[in-house]
Amino acid sequence: MIVSLDEVKNWLRIDFSEDDTLLTTLIKAAETYLKNATGVEYDENNHLAKLFCMTLISDWYENREMIGKASDQIRPIINSILMQLTYGGDTS
């Protein structure tokens, strides 16, 4: 595990537990994303990997409500994830 739930909650300044399940899912997704993008499995000792995951989780958490027209709803990161899944990303 690259980042813990407590680290993410501290990063996002969250002091309640209602979103713990969502945050845990985002943590797992960010770590899978990084592994799919690089082909490398990082751990908590890599500070750049930790920062990448925290930033990605923050973006996903803070922007989970997509607003606008259908064509405006697809952000570049979503397209990138789709490309990884389409072309041999982790299917688990």
N, C-alpha and C. Protein backbone atom coordinates (compact mmCIF):
# COMPACT_ATOMS: atom_id res chain seq x y z
N MET A 1 0.84 -1.18 0.00
CA MET A 1 0.00 0.00 0.00
C MET A 1 0.89 1.25 0.00
N ILE A 2 0.60 2.18 -0.89
CA ILE A 2 1.39 3.40 -1.01
C ILE A 2 0.94 4.44 0.00
N VAL A 3 -0.36 4.62 0.11
CA VAL A 3 -0.90 5.60 1.07
C VAL A 3 -1.96 4.93 1.93
N SER A 4 -2.07 5.39 3.16
CA SER A 4 -3.06 4.84 4.07
C SER A 4 -4.31 5.73 4.09
N LEU A 5 -5.37 5.18 4.60
CA LEU A 5 -6.61 5.95 4.75
C LEU A 5 -6.37 7.18 5.62
N ASP A 6 -5.65 7.01 6.71
CA ASP A 6 -5.37 8.15 7.60
C ASP A 6 -4.58 9.24 6.89
N GLU A 7 -3.60 8.86 6.07
CA GLU A 7 -2.83 9.85 5.33
C GLU A 7 -3.71 10.63 4.36
N VAL A 8 -4.59 9.91 3.66
CA VAL A 8 -5.49 10.56 2.71
C VAL A 8 -6.45 11.50 3.43
N LYS A 9 -7.01 11.05 4.53
CA LYS A 9 -7.94 11.90 5.27
C LYS A 9 -7.23 13.15 5.79
N ASN A 10 -6.00 13.01 6.23
CA ASN A 10 -5.23 14.17 6.66
C ASN A 10 -4.96 15.12 5.49
N TRP A 11 -4.57 14.56 4.35
CA TRP A 11 -4.30 15.34 3.13
C TRP A 11 -5.54 16.13 2.71
N LEU A 12 -6.70 15.49 2.80
CA LEU A 12 -7.96 16.14 2.40
C LEU A 12 -8.62 16.93 3.52
N ARG A 13 -8.03 16.87 4.70
CA ARG A 13 -8.56 17.55 5.88
C ARG A 13 -9.98 17.06 6.22
N ILE A 14 -10.12 15.75 6.23
CA ILE A 14 -11.40 15.11 6.54
C ILE A 14 -11.30 14.53 7.94
N ASP A 15 -12.26 14.90 8.82
CA ASP A 15 -12.24 14.39 10.19
C ASP A 15 -13.50 13.60 10.54
N PHE A 16 -14.14 13.04 9.51
CA PHE A 16 -15.33 12.21 9.72
C PHE A 16 -15.12 10.89 8.99
N SER A 17 -15.94 9.90 9.31
CA SER A 17 -15.72 8.57 8.74
C SER A 17 -16.76 8.16 7.69
N GLU A 18 -17.70 9.02 7.39
CA GLU A 18 -18.76 8.66 6.44
C GLU A 18 -18.23 8.33 5.04
N ASP A 19 -17.11 8.91 4.65
CA ASP A 19 -16.57 8.67 3.31
C ASP A 19 -15.41 7.66 3.29
N ASP A 20 -15.21 6.94 4.39
CA ASP A 20 -14.08 6.02 4.46
C ASP A 20 -14.12 4.95 3.38
N THR A 21 -15.29 4.41 3.09
CA THR A 21 -15.41 3.38 2.06
C THR A 21 -15.05 3.96 0.69
N LEU A 22 -15.56 5.14 0.39
CA LEU A 22 -15.24 5.80 -0.87
C LEU A 22 -13.74 6.08 -0.96
N LEU A 23 -13.18 6.61 0.10
CA LEU A 23 -11.75 6.93 0.10
C LEU A 23 -10.89 5.68 -0.06
N THR A 24 -11.29 4.59 0.56
CA THR A 24 -10.56 3.34 0.41
C THR A 24 -10.60 2.86 -1.04
N THR A 25 -11.74 3.00 -1.69
CA THR A 25 -11.87 2.65 -3.10
C THR A 25 -10.97 3.53 -3.95
N LEU A 26 -10.95 4.83 -3.65
CA LEU A 26 -10.11 5.76 -4.42
C LEU A 26 -8.62 5.45 -4.22
N ILE A 27 -8.24 5.06 -3.01
CA ILE A 27 -6.85 4.68 -2.75
C ILE A 27 -6.46 3.49 -3.61
N LYS A 28 -7.29 2.47 -3.60
CA LYS A 28 -7.00 1.27 -4.40
C LYS A 28 -6.95 1.59 -5.88
N ALA A 29 -7.87 2.45 -6.34
CA ALA A 29 -7.91 2.83 -7.75
C ALA A 29 -6.67 3.63 -8.14
N ALA A 30 -6.25 4.55 -7.30
CA ALA A 30 -5.06 5.35 -7.60
C ALA A 30 -3.81 4.48 -7.67
N GLU A 31 -3.69 3.53 -6.75
CA GLU A 31 -2.53 2.64 -6.76
C GLU A 31 -2.55 1.74 -7.99
N THR A 32 -3.71 1.26 -8.38
CA THR A 32 -3.83 0.46 -9.60
C THR A 32 -3.52 1.30 -10.82
N TYR A 33 -4.00 2.53 -10.84
CA TYR A 33 -3.72 3.44 -11.95
C TYR A 33 -2.22 3.63 -12.12
N LEU A 34 -1.52 3.90 -11.02
CA LEU A 34 -0.08 4.11 -11.09
C LEU A 34 0.64 2.86 -11.59
N LYS A 35 0.22 1.71 -11.11
CA LYS A 35 0.84 0.45 -11.55
C LYS A 35 0.57 0.21 -13.04
N ASN A 36 -0.66 0.48 -13.49
CA ASN A 36 -0.98 0.31 -14.90
C ASN A 36 -0.20 1.28 -15.78
N ALA A 37 -0.03 2.49 -15.30
CA ALA A 37 0.65 3.52 -16.09
C ALA A 37 2.15 3.29 -16.20
N THR A 38 2.75 2.69 -15.16
CA THR A 38 4.21 2.56 -15.12
C THR A 38 4.71 1.14 -15.25
N GLY A 39 3.87 0.17 -14.93
CA GLY A 39 4.30 -1.21 -14.91
C GLY A 39 5.10 -1.56 -13.67
N VAL A 40 5.12 -0.64 -12.70
CA VAL A 40 5.90 -0.82 -11.47
C VAL A 40 4.96 -0.78 -10.28
N GLU A 41 5.19 -1.66 -9.33
CA GLU A 41 4.41 -1.64 -8.09
C GLU A 41 5.22 -0.92 -7.01
N TYR A 42 4.78 0.27 -6.65
CA TYR A 42 5.47 1.09 -5.67
C TYR A 42 4.95 0.80 -4.26
N ASP A 43 5.70 1.24 -3.26
CA ASP A 43 5.26 1.11 -1.88
C ASP A 43 5.34 2.46 -1.19
N GLU A 44 5.08 2.48 0.10
CA GLU A 44 5.01 3.73 0.87
C GLU A 44 6.35 4.43 0.99
N ASN A 45 7.43 3.79 0.59
CA ASN A 45 8.76 4.40 0.69
C ASN A 45 9.10 5.32 -0.47
N ASN A 46 8.30 5.29 -1.54
CA ASN A 46 8.54 6.15 -2.68
C ASN A 46 7.70 7.41 -2.53
N HIS A 47 8.35 8.50 -2.20
CA HIS A 47 7.63 9.74 -1.90
C HIS A 47 6.93 10.33 -3.12
N LEU A 48 7.52 10.17 -4.30
CA LEU A 48 6.88 10.68 -5.50
C LEU A 48 5.62 9.89 -5.82
N ALA A 49 5.67 8.58 -5.64
CA ALA A 49 4.48 7.75 -5.86
C ALA A 49 3.39 8.11 -4.86
N LYS A 50 3.80 8.38 -3.62
CA LYS A 50 2.84 8.77 -2.58
C LYS A 50 2.16 10.09 -2.96
N LEU A 51 2.96 11.07 -3.40
CA LEU A 51 2.40 12.36 -3.81
C LEU A 51 1.47 12.21 -5.00
N PHE A 52 1.88 11.38 -5.98
CA PHE A 52 1.03 11.15 -7.14
C PHE A 52 -0.33 10.60 -6.72
N CYS A 53 -0.32 9.59 -5.86
CA CYS A 53 -1.58 8.98 -5.42
C CYS A 53 -2.44 9.97 -4.64
N MET A 54 -1.82 10.72 -3.74
CA MET A 54 -2.58 11.68 -2.94
C MET A 54 -3.22 12.75 -3.84
N THR A 55 -2.47 13.21 -4.83
CA THR A 55 -3.00 14.22 -5.75
C THR A 55 -4.14 13.65 -6.58
N LEU A 56 -3.97 12.45 -7.09
CA LEU A 56 -5.01 11.81 -7.89
C LEU A 56 -6.26 11.55 -7.07
N ILE A 57 -6.09 11.05 -5.86
CA ILE A 57 -7.23 10.79 -4.96
C ILE A 57 -7.95 12.09 -4.66
N SER A 58 -7.20 13.14 -4.39
CA SER A 58 -7.79 14.44 -4.10
C SER A 58 -8.64 14.94 -5.27
N ASP A 59 -8.11 14.80 -6.48
CA ASP A 59 -8.84 15.23 -7.67
C ASP A 59 -10.13 14.43 -7.82
N TRP A 60 -10.04 13.13 -7.68
CA TRP A 60 -11.23 12.28 -7.82
C TRP A 60 -12.25 12.59 -6.74
N TYR A 61 -11.81 12.78 -5.53
CA TYR A 61 -12.72 13.03 -4.41
C TYR A 61 -13.41 14.39 -4.55
N GLU A 62 -12.64 15.40 -4.87
CA GLU A 62 -13.18 16.76 -4.93
C GLU A 62 -13.98 17.04 -6.18
N ASN A 63 -13.82 16.23 -7.21
CA ASN A 63 -14.52 16.46 -8.47
C ASN A 63 -15.42 15.29 -8.85
N ARG A 64 -16.01 14.65 -7.86
CA ARG A 64 -16.82 13.46 -8.17
C ARG A 64 -18.18 13.79 -8.76
N GLU A 65 -18.58 15.05 -8.71
CA GLU A 65 -19.83 15.46 -9.36
C GLU A 65 -19.49 16.14 -10.67
N MET A 66 -19.77 15.46 -11.76
CA MET A 66 -19.48 16.03 -13.07
C MET A 66 -20.60 16.97 -13.46
N ILE A 67 -20.24 18.15 -13.92
CA ILE A 67 -21.22 19.18 -14.26
C ILE A 67 -21.00 19.59 -15.71
N GLY A 68 -22.10 19.89 -16.39
CA GLY A 68 -21.99 20.39 -17.76
C GLY A 68 -22.62 19.44 -18.75
N LYS A 69 -22.39 19.73 -20.03
CA LYS A 69 -22.92 18.90 -21.09
C LYS A 69 -22.20 17.55 -21.11
N ALA A 70 -22.81 16.59 -21.72
CA ALA A 70 -22.23 15.25 -21.78
C ALA A 70 -20.82 15.27 -22.36
N SER A 71 -20.58 16.04 -23.41
CA SER A 71 -19.25 16.07 -24.01
C SER A 71 -18.22 16.73 -23.10
N ASP A 72 -18.66 17.59 -22.19
CA ASP A 72 -17.75 18.27 -21.26
C ASP A 72 -17.46 17.43 -20.02
N GLN A 73 -18.16 16.34 -19.84
CA GLN A 73 -18.04 15.56 -18.61
C GLN A 73 -16.83 14.65 -18.58
N ILE A 74 -16.26 14.36 -19.72
CA ILE A 74 -15.13 13.44 -19.76
C ILE A 74 -13.84 14.24 -19.61
N ARG A 75 -13.21 14.11 -18.46
CA ARG A 75 -11.95 14.80 -18.22
C ARG A 75 -10.81 13.95 -18.75
N PRO A 76 -9.67 14.57 -19.04
CA PRO A 76 -8.54 13.81 -19.61
C PRO A 76 -8.12 12.60 -18.78
N ILE A 77 -8.18 12.67 -17.49
CA ILE A 77 -7.75 11.53 -16.66
C ILE A 77 -8.66 10.33 -16.86
N ILE A 78 -9.94 10.59 -17.08
CA ILE A 78 -10.88 9.49 -17.33
C ILE A 78 -10.53 8.81 -18.65
N ASN A 79 -10.22 9.60 -19.67
CA ASN A 79 -9.82 9.02 -20.95
C ASN A 79 -8.55 8.19 -20.80
N SER A 80 -7.63 8.67 -19.98
CA SER A 80 -6.39 7.93 -19.77
C SER A 80 -6.65 6.59 -19.10
N ILE A 81 -7.52 6.59 -18.09
CA ILE A 81 -7.85 5.33 -17.41
C ILE A 81 -8.52 4.36 -18.39
N LEU A 82 -9.42 4.88 -19.18
CA LEU A 82 -10.09 4.04 -20.18
C LEU A 82 -9.08 3.43 -21.15
N MET A 83 -8.10 4.22 -21.59
CA MET A 83 -7.07 3.70 -22.49
C MET A 83 -6.28 2.57 -21.83
N GLN A 84 -5.94 2.75 -20.55
CA GLN A 84 -5.19 1.71 -19.85
C GLN A 84 -6.00 0.43 -19.73
N LEU A 85 -7.26 0.57 -19.40
CA LEU A 85 -8.11 -0.62 -19.27
C LEU A 85 -8.33 -1.28 -20.62
N THR A 86 -8.47 -0.48 -21.66
CA THR A 86 -8.72 -1.01 -22.99
C THR A 86 -7.50 -1.75 -23.55
N TYR A 87 -6.33 -1.23 -23.26
CA TYR A 87 -5.11 -1.80 -23.85
C TYR A 87 -4.27 -2.56 -22.83
N GLY A 88 -4.91 -3.44 -22.05
CA GLY A 88 -4.18 -4.37 -21.24
C GLY A 88 -3.96 -3.97 -19.79
N GLY A 89 -4.76 -3.04 -19.28
CA GLY A 89 -4.62 -2.68 -17.88
C GLY A 89 -5.08 -3.80 -16.96
N ASP A 90 -4.90 -3.60 -15.69
CA ASP A 90 -5.30 -4.58 -14.66
C ASP A 90 -6.81 -4.77 -14.70
N THR A 91 -7.25 -5.99 -14.81
CA THR A 91 -8.68 -6.28 -14.90
C THR A 91 -9.27 -6.73 -13.57
N SER A 92 -8.48 -6.74 -12.51
CA SER A 92 -8.99 -7.20 -11.22
C SER A 92 -9.73 -6.11 -10.49
